[in-house]
Amino acid sequence: MSLQSDAVFQKIIDGLKENQAKAKAVNGVFLYKITKDGKVAKEWTLDCKSAKAYEGPAQGVKVDTTLTVADEDMVDIALGKLNPQAAFMKGKLKIAGNIMLTQKLAPLLKTDAKL
């Protein structure tokens, strides 16, 4: 299944390749559960410890933080239309695990791309 947020994760993958030191400074492993119509449609792993991201559950690493967000909301967060903290407060973004680690993610997730 193809989702709108796939473009966001492709941009993240490209960004990690270009800026590995910045990614490794985050020093965490994040699992994104992207939902469509209330059901998990796709999972993405963002492994900042080794500066890589890929589709699917974490492989051989312990996940520090799991984020669950709707496809459209993930796109809006990446484009800056939806503040991640506001999304969390409204229940649009659910976070399990090390919530403080997610604050280090913001600079990596910003995108100027037109999705």
Protein backbone atom coordinates (compact mmCIF):
# COMPACT_ATOMS: atom_id res chain seq x y z
CA MET A 1 0.00 0.00 0.00
CA SER A 2 1.27 3.42 -0.93
CA LEU A 3 0.75 6.23 1.59
CA GLN A 4 1.24 10.00 1.40
CA SER A 5 3.79 9.79 4.21
CA ASP A 6 6.03 7.50 2.13
CA ALA A 7 7.48 10.68 0.58
CA VAL A 8 8.23 12.02 4.07
CA PHE A 9 10.16 8.87 4.98
CA GLN A 10 12.03 8.94 1.67
CA LYS A 11 13.10 12.49 2.51
CA ILE A 12 14.17 11.33 5.99
CA ILE A 13 16.22 8.49 4.45
CA ASP A 14 17.94 10.95 2.11
CA GLY A 15 18.53 13.38 4.99
CA LEU A 16 20.10 10.68 7.15
CA LYS A 17 22.54 9.78 4.36
CA GLU A 18 23.54 13.44 3.96
CA ASN A 19 23.84 14.18 7.66
CA GLN A 20 24.87 11.05 9.55
CA ALA A 21 26.56 12.92 12.42
CA LYS A 22 23.39 14.88 13.18
CA ALA A 23 21.35 11.66 13.16
CA LYS A 24 23.78 9.83 15.42
CA ALA A 25 23.66 12.75 17.89
CA VAL A 26 19.97 11.89 18.47
CA ASN A 27 21.15 8.43 19.57
CA GLY A 28 17.79 6.67 19.55
CA VAL A 29 15.68 4.16 17.65
CA PHE A 30 12.15 5.17 16.69
CA LEU A 31 9.34 3.04 15.34
CA TYR A 32 6.67 4.92 13.42
CA LYS A 33 3.29 3.24 13.10
CA ILE A 34 1.43 5.02 10.31
CA THR A 35 -2.32 4.56 10.41
CA LYS A 36 -5.00 4.81 7.77
CA ASP A 37 -8.67 4.69 8.79
CA GLY A 38 -7.66 3.94 12.39
CA LYS A 39 -5.58 0.83 11.56
CA VAL A 40 -1.79 0.52 11.29
CA ALA A 41 -1.11 0.52 7.55
CA LYS A 42 2.69 0.70 7.58
CA GLU A 43 5.65 0.75 9.95
CA TRP A 44 8.92 2.61 9.52
CA THR A 45 12.05 2.33 11.66
CA LEU A 46 14.26 5.35 12.15
CA ASP A 47 17.54 4.09 13.62
CA CYS A 48 19.48 7.21 14.53
CA LYS A 49 22.17 5.18 16.31
CA SER A 50 23.36 3.85 12.94
CA ALA A 51 21.90 6.71 10.84
CA LYS A 52 19.48 4.68 8.75
CA ALA A 53 15.75 4.41 8.17
CA TYR A 54 13.76 1.64 6.55
CA GLU A 55 10.26 0.34 6.07
CA GLY A 56 9.18 -2.31 8.54
CA PRO A 57 9.76 -3.13 12.21
CA ALA A 58 13.16 -2.66 13.89
CA GLN A 59 15.73 -5.25 12.87
CA GLY A 60 18.21 -6.30 15.53
CA VAL A 61 17.90 -3.13 17.59
CA LYS A 62 15.82 -2.14 20.61
CA VAL A 63 13.20 0.51 19.91
CA ASP A 64 13.44 3.46 22.32
CA THR A 65 10.26 5.24 21.26
CA THR A 66 7.17 4.21 19.29
CA LEU A 67 5.14 6.92 17.57
CA THR A 68 1.67 6.23 16.19
CA VAL A 69 0.24 8.82 13.81
CA ALA A 70 -2.23 8.98 10.93
CA ASP A 71 -0.79 9.21 7.41
CA GLU A 72 -2.21 12.72 6.77
CA ASP A 73 -1.03 14.00 10.15
CA MET A 74 2.52 12.74 9.53
CA VAL A 75 2.59 14.71 6.28
CA ASP A 76 1.24 17.84 8.03
CA ILE A 77 3.86 17.51 10.79
CA ALA A 78 6.66 17.20 8.21
CA LEU A 79 5.39 20.23 6.29
CA GLY A 80 5.13 22.29 9.46
CA LYS A 81 1.33 22.62 9.20
CA LEU A 82 0.86 20.64 12.41
CA ASN A 83 3.02 21.21 15.48
CA PRO A 84 4.16 17.83 16.92
CA GLN A 85 3.46 18.96 20.50
CA ALA A 86 -0.03 20.14 19.54
CA ALA A 87 -0.64 16.85 17.70
CA PHE A 88 0.38 14.96 20.84
CA MET A 89 -1.89 17.06 23.08
CA LYS A 90 -4.85 16.54 20.72
CA GLY A 91 -4.24 12.78 20.63
CA LYS A 92 -3.29 12.82 16.93
CA LEU A 93 0.23 11.65 17.81
CA LYS A 94 0.66 8.86 20.32
CA ILE A 95 4.08 8.26 21.85
CA ALA A 96 5.20 5.24 23.88
CA GLY A 97 8.64 4.83 25.44
CA ASN A 98 11.20 7.60 25.80
CA ILE A 99 9.10 10.67 25.05
CA MET A 100 11.99 13.11 25.70
CA LEU A 101 14.01 11.53 22.90
CA THR A 102 11.40 12.63 20.36
CA GLN A 103 12.27 16.28 20.98
CA LYS A 104 15.71 15.67 19.48
CA LEU A 105 14.04 14.45 16.28
CA ALA A 106 12.48 17.74 15.16
CA PRO A 107 15.50 19.06 13.19
CA LEU A 108 15.77 15.77 11.28
CA LEU A 109 12.10 15.70 10.34
CA LYS A 110 11.77 19.21 8.93
CA THR A 111 11.28 19.16 5.19
CA ASP A 112 11.11 21.94 2.61
CA ALA A 113 9.95 19.51 -0.06
CA LYS A 114 6.59 19.78 -1.71
CA LEU A 115 5.00 16.42 -1.07
